[in-house]
């Protein structure tokens, strides 16, 4: 039996067998389309699951670093120890130990006393020194002061050390556990927000380590990168897109710029080591050198995004400006560039976000050094947040694990803010033609 299909001009007769073949072909296409949609949806779901697991792991390990354990001690600022001539060099650790020993007068023996002193951070003495220097009237008085606890006690309070395991398998002894329980029953142990994590520089003591030095180093490095890469990148994009003649030389330049965008970042570190340190003699481990290296790395990204933004401006804008008598330079500066600038800013922010997260090129120029002081300028020794994370991740103490994750949280926060700013600028100022 045949099936008739009428058109405007004539009647076409298709055999039933042909229609069945067509239907089977359509069914296969629909099944293939459903499979493709399922695979695409599965890929998105899988990526979201892995991303969620990643963030859950980082936040789960790092949120406790924003809290720190403190011990309340009754400190007697002994005037025999704190004389006017030696306030800066006085025996502040002795004041801490005397207060702690007075709480447990039955403890004796050098080993036990050392274990008891280990409950309090070594930074407690510096806290007392700072208090006395700021207010010498404290001398001769007894003050109830919350001092920073040692990292092992902090880990125990936060639940990272299991009390049920054998004594040999944990860093805190049974005797120290009894002292901690006594202090806790007396209300002398508490947790509070860890301001030192944001105000201190790096330290070999986990409870004293902070990210301020690395954050300031990152800030100085990004300032140098922005001041160099943005004007050079914009000028290069404008020249290549608007003024450069189309010949073999410009083709070679364009190919090399595109290739540089894919070069591993450590290659730029080797270039910075050879040129800026060995040849130019610039200071090692300084934000100035780090900014120069990151400028070389981000320039291809800014140039490519800048050229794409210039290409998005309609030719009618250029023709209209030239038609009313503007020169080519006036046409670019007064008409094309203002319209392309939002796209250029977006590319610049994305390039800066990429620079903020880079580690390998900065390792090559010495920014991996252990630096405690907060940098005060562009030529002072410093480190950056990604390198600080790298250093902490290599430390054996359990307390550095949570601080590593906390620093990653802060770094991700900066990256999210920078990318959100790029999206906002694109949505707010970009014009669609």
Protein backbone atom coordinates (compact mmCIF):
# COMPACT_ATOMS: atom_id res chain seq x y z
CA UNK A 1 0.00 0.00 0.00
CA UNK A 2 1.38 3.37 -0.98
CA UNK A 3 0.86 6.69 0.79
CA UNK A 4 0.08 9.85 -1.18
CA UNK A 5 1.52 13.19 -0.16
CA UNK A 6 0.09 16.18 -1.96
CA UNK A 7 2.02 19.36 -2.67
CA UNK A 8 0.97 22.59 -4.37
CA UNK A 9 2.20 21.45 -7.75
CA UNK A 10 1.59 17.75 -7.94
CA UNK A 11 1.07 14.55 -5.98
CA UNK A 12 4.12 12.52 -4.83
CA UNK A 13 3.66 8.89 -3.94
CA UNK A 14 6.12 7.36 -1.44
CA UNK A 15 6.24 3.62 -0.83
CA UNK A 16 5.38 2.51 2.69
CA UNK A 17 8.83 0.93 3.04
CA UNK A 18 10.49 4.33 2.48
CA UNK A 19 8.35 5.97 5.17
CA UNK A 20 9.31 3.26 7.64
CA UNK A 21 12.99 3.88 6.94
CA UNK A 22 12.52 7.61 7.50
CA UNK A 23 10.70 7.01 10.79
CA UNK A 24 13.43 4.67 12.02
CA UNK A 25 16.05 7.25 11.10
CA UNK A 26 14.19 9.96 12.99
CA UNK A 27 13.85 7.69 16.02
CA UNK A 28 17.63 7.10 16.02
CA UNK A 29 18.25 10.84 15.79
CA UNK A 30 15.91 11.54 18.70
CA UNK A 31 17.59 8.86 20.78
CA UNK A 32 21.02 10.29 19.95
CA UNK A 33 19.80 13.76 20.92
CA UNK A 34 18.47 12.47 24.24
CA UNK A 35 21.76 10.68 24.92
CA UNK A 36 23.70 13.83 24.12
CA UNK A 37 21.54 15.91 26.45
CA UNK A 38 21.92 13.28 29.18
CA UNK A 39 25.70 13.22 28.82
CA UNK A 40 25.87 17.00 28.90
CA UNK A 41 23.66 17.19 31.97
CA UNK A 42 25.68 14.42 33.63
CA UNK A 43 28.90 16.31 32.99
CA UNK A 44 27.47 19.46 34.57
CA UNK A 45 26.17 17.52 37.59
CA UNK A 46 29.51 15.73 38.01
CA UNK A 47 31.45 18.99 37.86
CA UNK A 48 29.12 20.57 40.43
CA UNK A 49 29.49 17.53 42.71
CA UNK A 50 33.30 17.63 42.53
CA UNK A 51 33.29 21.40 43.04
CA UNK A 52 31.03 20.99 46.07
CA UNK A 53 33.28 18.31 47.51
CA UNK A 54 36.31 20.53 46.98
CA UNK A 55 34.74 23.52 48.72
CA UNK A 56 33.34 21.32 51.49
CA UNK A 57 36.80 19.85 52.12
CA UNK A 58 38.51 23.25 52.16
CA UNK A 59 35.88 24.90 54.36
CA UNK A 60 35.62 21.86 56.64
CA UNK A 61 39.36 21.89 57.28
CA UNK A 62 39.81 25.65 57.40
CA UNK A 63 36.90 27.31 59.18
CA UNK A 64 38.28 26.40 62.62
CA UNK A 65 41.39 28.50 61.93
CA UNK A 66 39.26 31.61 62.31
CA UNK A 67 38.94 30.73 66.01
CA UNK A 68 41.76 30.45 68.52
CA UNK A 69 41.94 28.97 72.02
CA UNK A 70 43.03 31.23 74.89
CA UNK A 71 43.94 30.58 78.54
CA UNK A 72 43.18 33.05 81.33
CA UNK A 73 46.14 33.64 83.63
CA UNK A 74 46.49 35.93 86.62
CA UNK A 75 49.69 37.75 85.75
CA UNK A 76 51.59 39.60 88.44
CA UNK A 77 53.71 42.29 86.80
CA UNK A 78 56.58 42.00 89.23
CA UNK A 79 58.37 45.37 89.64
CA UNK A 80 61.59 43.51 90.51
CA UNK A 81 61.56 42.02 87.02
CA UNK A 82 60.03 44.93 85.13
CA UNK A 83 62.31 47.84 85.87
CA UNK A 84 62.27 51.06 83.88
CA UNK A 85 65.62 50.24 82.32
CA UNK A 86 64.69 46.86 80.87
CA UNK A 87 61.02 47.00 79.90
CA UNK A 88 61.87 45.82 76.39
CA UNK A 89 64.21 43.03 77.51
CA UNK A 90 62.56 41.87 80.74
CA UNK A 91 61.85 38.23 81.54
CA UNK A 92 58.24 38.17 80.31
CA UNK A 93 58.28 34.38 79.78
CA UNK A 94 59.08 34.09 83.48
CA UNK A 95 55.91 36.05 84.35
CA UNK A 96 53.82 33.63 82.29
CA UNK A 97 55.46 30.56 83.82
CA UNK A 98 55.08 31.89 87.37
CA UNK A 99 51.37 32.49 86.85
CA UNK A 100 50.87 29.04 85.31
CA UNK A 101 52.88 27.29 88.04
CA UNK A 102 50.81 29.00 90.73
CA UNK A 103 47.71 27.26 89.37
CA UNK A 104 49.36 23.85 89.77
CA UNK A 105 51.66 24.12 92.80
CA UNK A 106 51.98 20.33 93.10
CA UNK A 107 53.76 20.00 89.75
CA UNK A 108 57.48 19.48 90.15
CA UNK A 109 60.36 18.18 88.13
CA UNK A 110 61.90 19.78 85.07
CA UNK A 111 60.11 17.49 82.62
CA UNK A 112 56.65 18.05 84.12
CA UNK A 113 57.18 21.79 84.42
CA UNK A 114 58.24 21.93 80.80
CA UNK A 115 55.09 20.03 79.82
CA UNK A 116 53.00 22.45 81.87
CA UNK A 117 54.67 25.48 80.27
CA UNK A 118 53.94 23.93 76.87
CA UNK A 119 50.22 24.60 77.32
CA UNK A 120 50.79 28.30 76.66
CA UNK A 121 52.08 29.71 73.40
CA UNK A 122 55.52 31.26 73.25
CA UNK A 123 53.82 34.34 71.91
CA UNK A 124 52.20 35.02 75.30
CA UNK A 125 55.42 36.69 76.48
CA UNK A 126 55.31 39.10 73.52
CA UNK A 127 51.68 39.91 74.33
CA UNK A 128 52.67 40.89 77.89
CA UNK A 129 55.61 42.92 76.61
CA UNK A 130 53.35 44.87 74.28
CA UNK A 131 50.88 45.55 77.12
CA UNK A 132 53.59 46.85 79.45
CA UNK A 133 55.18 49.07 76.80
CA UNK A 134 51.78 50.57 76.01
CA UNK A 135 50.81 51.02 79.68
CA UNK A 136 53.71 51.00 82.19
CA UNK A 137 51.17 51.60 85.00
CA UNK A 138 50.53 47.84 84.93
CA UNK A 139 53.81 47.26 86.80
CA UNK A 140 53.13 46.16 90.35
CA UNK A 141 49.56 45.03 89.66
CA UNK A 142 47.94 41.66 89.05
CA UNK A 143 45.83 41.40 85.92
CA UNK A 144 43.61 38.61 84.60
CA UNK A 145 44.75 38.21 80.99
CA UNK A 146 43.69 35.86 78.21
CA UNK A 147 46.88 34.60 76.55
CA UNK A 148 47.21 32.48 73.43
CA UNK A 149 47.25 28.73 74.00
CA UNK A 150 49.71 26.36 72.35
CA UNK A 151 48.69 24.83 69.04
CA UNK A 152 48.38 21.30 70.50
CA UNK A 153 45.92 22.49 73.15
CA UNK A 154 44.09 24.45 70.46
CA UNK A 155 43.79 21.33 68.30
CA UNK A 156 42.47 19.35 71.28
CA UNK A 157 39.79 21.92 72.07
CA UNK A 158 38.74 22.05 68.41
CA UNK A 159 38.40 18.26 68.30
CA UNK A 160 41.31 17.54 65.97
CA UNK A 161 43.09 15.41 68.60
CA UNK A 162 41.32 12.25 69.75
CA UNK A 163 41.57 11.80 73.52
CA UNK A 164 40.60 8.13 73.29
CA UNK A 165 43.69 7.00 71.39
CA UNK A 166 46.72 5.70 73.35
CA UNK A 167 48.99 8.36 74.83
CA UNK A 168 51.85 7.42 72.56
CA UNK A 169 49.71 8.15 69.49
CA UNK A 170 48.88 11.78 70.38
CA UNK A 171 50.90 14.91 71.00
CA UNK A 172 49.28 15.66 74.38
CA UNK A 173 50.09 13.45 77.36
CA UNK A 174 47.60 12.18 79.92
CA UNK A 175 49.10 14.51 82.51
CA UNK A 176 48.55 17.49 80.23
CA UNK A 177 44.98 16.32 79.63
CA UNK A 178 44.34 16.43 83.38
CA UNK A 179 45.72 19.98 83.58
CA UNK A 180 43.58 21.06 80.61
CA UNK A 181 40.46 19.57 82.21
CA UNK A 182 41.24 21.45 85.42
CA UNK A 183 41.66 24.73 83.56
CA UNK A 184 38.45 24.09 81.63
CA UNK A 185 36.49 23.37 84.83
CA UNK A 186 37.77 26.64 86.27
CA UNK A 187 36.56 28.55 83.20
CA UNK A 188 40.09 29.47 82.16
CA UNK A 189 39.86 28.11 78.60
CA UNK A 190 37.78 29.64 75.83
CA UNK A 191 37.72 30.14 72.08
CA UNK A 192 37.41 33.51 70.41
CA UNK A 193 37.83 35.04 66.98
CA UNK A 194 41.40 34.68 65.75
CA UNK A 195 42.35 38.25 64.89
CA UNK A 196 46.03 37.24 64.84
CA UNK A 197 45.39 35.23 61.67
CA UNK A 198 44.71 38.50 59.84
CA UNK A 199 47.11 40.82 61.69
CA UNK A 200 50.26 38.71 62.13
CA UNK A 201 52.94 37.77 59.66
CA UNK A 202 54.26 34.28 59.20
CA UNK A 203 55.62 32.33 62.17
CA UNK A 204 57.03 28.91 62.92
CA UNK A 205 54.46 28.64 65.74
CA UNK A 206 51.12 27.77 64.12
CA UNK A 207 49.02 29.62 66.71
CA UNK A 208 50.94 32.84 65.92
CA UNK A 209 51.06 32.50 62.12
CA UNK A 210 49.00 34.95 60.08
CA UNK A 211 48.48 36.07 56.51
CA UNK A 212 49.03 39.81 56.84
CA UNK A 213 52.55 39.73 55.44
CA UNK A 214 51.49 37.59 52.48
CA UNK A 215 48.36 39.70 51.85
CA UNK A 216 50.37 42.94 51.84
CA UNK A 217 52.97 41.33 49.57
CA UNK A 218 50.22 40.24 47.17
CA UNK A 219 48.79 43.77 47.23
CA UNK A 220 52.11 45.39 46.35
CA UNK A 221 52.79 42.80 43.67
CA UNK A 222 49.38 43.29 42.04
CA UNK A 223 49.77 47.08 42.15
CA UNK A 224 53.02 46.80 40.17
CA UNK A 225 51.39 44.35 37.78
CA UNK A 226 48.36 46.57 37.21
CA UNK A 227 50.36 49.77 36.71
CA UNK A 228 52.52 48.10 34.07
CA UNK A 229 50.27 45.56 32.35
CA UNK A 230 47.12 47.66 31.86
CA UNK A 231 48.58 50.64 29.94
CA UNK A 232 51.03 48.49 27.97
CA UNK A 233 48.35 45.91 27.17
CA UNK A 234 45.76 48.49 26.10
CA UNK A 235 48.29 50.40 23.99
CA UNK A 236 49.44 47.18 22.31
CA UNK A 237 45.88 46.08 21.58
CA UNK A 238 44.97 49.49 20.11
CA UNK A 239 48.05 49.58 17.91
CA UNK A 240 47.68 46.03 16.62
CA UNK A 241 43.96 46.37 15.95
CA UNK A 242 43.70 49.96 14.69
CA UNK A 243 47.04 51.17 13.39
CA UNK A 244 49.37 48.25 12.59
CA UNK A 245 49.67 47.40 8.89
CA UNK A 246 48.63 43.90 7.90
CA UNK A 247 51.90 42.31 6.85
CA UNK A 248 54.11 39.38 7.75
CA UNK A 249 55.67 41.15 10.75
CA UNK A 250 52.35 41.87 12.46
CA UNK A 251 51.22 38.31 11.70
CA UNK A 252 54.32 36.99 13.49
CA UNK A 253 53.64 39.32 16.44
CA UNK A 254 50.03 38.15 16.70
CA UNK A 255 51.02 34.49 16.56
CA UNK A 256 53.63 35.00 19.28
CA UNK A 257 51.18 36.84 21.53
CA UNK A 258 48.71 33.98 21.19
CA UNK A 259 51.47 31.47 21.90
CA UNK A 260 52.66 33.39 24.98
CA UNK A 261 49.18 33.09 26.48
CA UNK A 262 49.70 29.30 26.58
CA UNK A 263 53.29 29.26 27.85
CA UNK A 264 53.66 27.62 31.30
CA UNK A 265 53.96 30.24 34.01
CA UNK A 266 57.23 28.83 35.34
CA UNK A 267 58.91 29.86 32.07
CA UNK A 268 58.16 33.49 32.94
CA UNK A 269 59.73 32.85 36.34
CA UNK A 270 62.91 31.62 34.67
CA UNK A 271 62.87 34.71 32.45
CA UNK A 272 62.49 36.97 35.49
CA UNK A 273 65.32 35.16 37.27
CA UNK A 274 67.63 35.61 34.30
CA UNK A 275 66.73 39.20 33.37
CA UNK A 276 65.51 41.03 36.46
CA UNK A 277 67.68 39.35 39.12
CA UNK A 278 70.85 38.13 37.43
CA UNK A 279 71.16 40.81 34.73
CA UNK A 280 69.41 43.91 36.15
CA UNK A 281 70.37 43.18 39.77
CA UNK A 282 66.97 43.97 41.26
CA UNK A 283 66.31 42.89 44.89
CA UNK A 284 65.42 39.26 45.34
CA UNK A 285 62.03 38.24 46.77
CA UNK A 286 60.60 41.75 46.30
CA UNK A 287 57.09 42.73 45.11
CA UNK A 288 58.72 44.87 42.43
CA UNK A 289 60.31 41.85 40.75
CA UNK A 290 57.19 39.75 41.32
CA UNK A 291 55.08 42.43 39.66
CA UNK A 292 57.43 42.58 36.66
CA UNK A 293 57.28 38.81 36.20
CA UNK A 294 53.48 38.72 36.52
CA UNK A 295 53.24 41.62 34.08
CA UNK A 296 54.96 39.52 31.42
CA UNK A 297 52.58 36.67 32.18
CA UNK A 298 49.35 38.70 32.08
CA UNK A 299 50.15 40.90 29.08
CA UNK A 300 49.04 38.30 26.45
CA UNK A 301 45.68 37.87 28.21
CA UNK A 302 45.08 41.63 28.37
CA UNK A 303 46.15 42.19 24.75
CA UNK A 304 43.94 39.39 23.42
CA UNK A 305 40.90 40.52 25.41
CA UNK A 306 41.58 44.14 24.44
CA UNK A 307 41.65 43.31 20.75
CA UNK A 308 38.44 41.31 21.09
CA UNK A 309 36.80 44.33 22.77
CA UNK A 310 37.95 46.62 19.96
CA UNK A 311 36.63 44.22 17.33
CA UNK A 312 33.21 44.26 19.01
CA UNK A 313 32.81 47.98 18.28
CA UNK A 314 30.75 48.30 15.04
CA UNK A 315 32.54 49.69 11.96
CA UNK A 316 29.79 52.31 11.66
CA UNK A 317 31.22 54.06 14.76
CA UNK A 318 34.58 54.39 13.06
CA UNK A 319 33.05 55.45 9.73
CA UNK A 320 30.82 58.03 11.38
CA UNK A 321 33.72 59.57 13.32
CA UNK A 322 35.89 59.73 10.22
CA UNK A 323 32.97 61.08 8.20
CA UNK A 324 32.60 64.18 10.42
CA UNK A 325 36.29 65.04 10.04
CA UNK A 326 37.95 63.26 12.99
CA UNK A 327 41.46 61.97 12.51
CA UNK A 328 42.15 58.30 13.00
CA UNK A 329 43.72 58.98 16.39
CA UNK A 330 40.71 61.06 17.46
CA UNK A 331 38.39 58.36 16.19
CA UNK A 332 40.14 55.74 18.29
CA UNK A 333 40.62 57.82 21.45
CA UNK A 334 37.23 59.58 21.53
CA UNK A 335 34.87 57.00 20.05
CA UNK A 336 36.23 53.45 19.78
CA UNK A 337 38.31 53.17 22.94
CA UNK A 338 35.60 54.42 25.36
CA UNK A 339 33.19 51.83 23.96
CA UNK A 340 35.77 49.03 24.16
CA UNK A 341 37.11 49.99 27.59
CA UNK A 342 34.60 47.91 29.63
CA UNK A 343 35.68 44.78 27.79
CA UNK A 344 39.33 45.69 28.30
CA UNK A 345 38.74 46.23 32.03
CA UNK A 346 37.07 42.84 32.23
CA UNK A 347 40.05 41.15 30.59
CA UNK A 348 42.43 43.05 32.84
CA UNK A 349 40.62 41.96 36.02
CA UNK A 350 40.61 38.35 34.84
CA UNK A 351 44.33 38.61 34.11
CA UNK A 352 44.94 40.10 37.56
CA UNK A 353 42.94 37.30 39.16
CA UNK A 354 45.14 34.82 37.30
CA UNK A 355 48.24 36.64 38.56
CA UNK A 356 46.92 36.61 42.14
CA UNK A 357 46.75 32.82 42.12
CA UNK A 358 50.16 32.19 40.54
CA UNK A 359 52.91 30.47 42.51
CA UNK A 360 55.45 28.91 40.15
CA UNK A 361 56.97 32.10 38.64
CA UNK A 362 57.30 33.68 42.08
CA UNK A 363 59.10 30.64 43.46
CA UNK A 364 61.79 31.15 40.84
CA UNK A 365 62.54 34.71 42.00
CA UNK A 366 62.87 33.78 45.67
CA UNK A 367 59.48 34.76 47.09
CA UNK A 368 59.37 31.35 48.79
CA UNK A 369 61.62 32.58 51.61
CA UNK A 370 60.40 32.48 55.22
CA UNK A 371 59.65 36.13 55.95
CA UNK A 372 58.11 37.19 59.26
CA UNK A 373 57.99 40.97 58.85
CA UNK A 374 55.22 42.70 56.95
CA UNK A 375 56.69 44.42 53.85
CA UNK A 376 56.66 48.20 54.00
CA UNK A 377 57.37 48.91 50.34
CA UNK A 378 57.85 47.53 46.85
CA UNK A 379 61.48 46.55 47.41
CA UNK A 380 61.16 44.91 50.83
CA UNK A 381 61.43 41.10 51.04
CA UNK A 382 57.97 39.55 51.03
CA UNK A 383 55.87 36.63 49.96
CA UNK A 384 52.37 36.29 48.50
CA UNK A 385 49.27 34.35 49.47
CA UNK A 386 49.72 31.38 47.08
CA UNK A 387 53.34 30.95 48.18
CA UNK A 388 52.30 31.25 51.84
CA UNK A 389 49.79 28.46 51.26
CA UNK A 390 52.54 26.39 49.64
CA UNK A 391 54.83 26.89 52.65
CA UNK A 392 52.15 26.03 55.21
CA UNK A 393 51.05 22.95 53.28
CA UNK A 394 54.58 21.60 53.64
CA UNK A 395 54.63 22.05 57.44
CA UNK A 396 54.17 18.92 59.58
CA UNK A 397 52.10 20.46 62.40
CA UNK A 398 48.39 19.66 62.37
CA UNK A 399 47.54 23.30 63.14
CA UNK A 400 49.09 24.40 59.85
CA UNK A 401 46.60 22.19 57.98
CA UNK A 402 43.67 24.31 59.07
CA UNK A 403 45.59 27.52 58.45
CA UNK A 404 46.45 26.32 54.95
CA UNK A 405 42.75 25.73 54.22
CA UNK A 406 41.82 29.07 55.83
CA UNK A 407 44.34 30.90 53.64
CA UNK A 408 42.87 29.12 50.60
CA UNK A 409 39.41 30.33 51.66
CA UNK A 410 40.71 33.91 51.84
CA UNK A 411 42.42 33.58 48.45
CA UNK A 412 39.29 32.13 46.87
CA UNK A 413 37.32 34.99 48.38
CA UNK A 414 39.60 37.51 46.66
CA UNK A 415 39.33 35.63 43.35
CA UNK A 416 35.53 35.47 43.58
CA UNK A 417 35.36 39.20 44.30
CA UNK A 418 37.63 40.02 41.35
CA UNK A 419 35.69 37.81 38.94
CA UNK A 420 32.38 39.17 40.23
CA UNK A 421 33.72 42.69 39.62
CA UNK A 422 34.60 41.70 36.05
CA UNK A 423 31.08 40.35 35.48
CA UNK A 424 29.55 43.49 37.00
CA UNK A 425 31.61 45.79 34.79
CA UNK A 426 30.67 43.79 31.72
CA UNK A 427 26.96 43.83 32.56
CA UNK A 428 26.97 47.47 33.67
CA UNK A 429 28.95 49.17 30.94
CA UNK A 430 29.09 46.83 27.96
CA UNK A 431 26.88 47.82 25.05
CA UNK A 432 25.34 45.29 22.73
CA UNK A 433 25.03 46.21 19.07
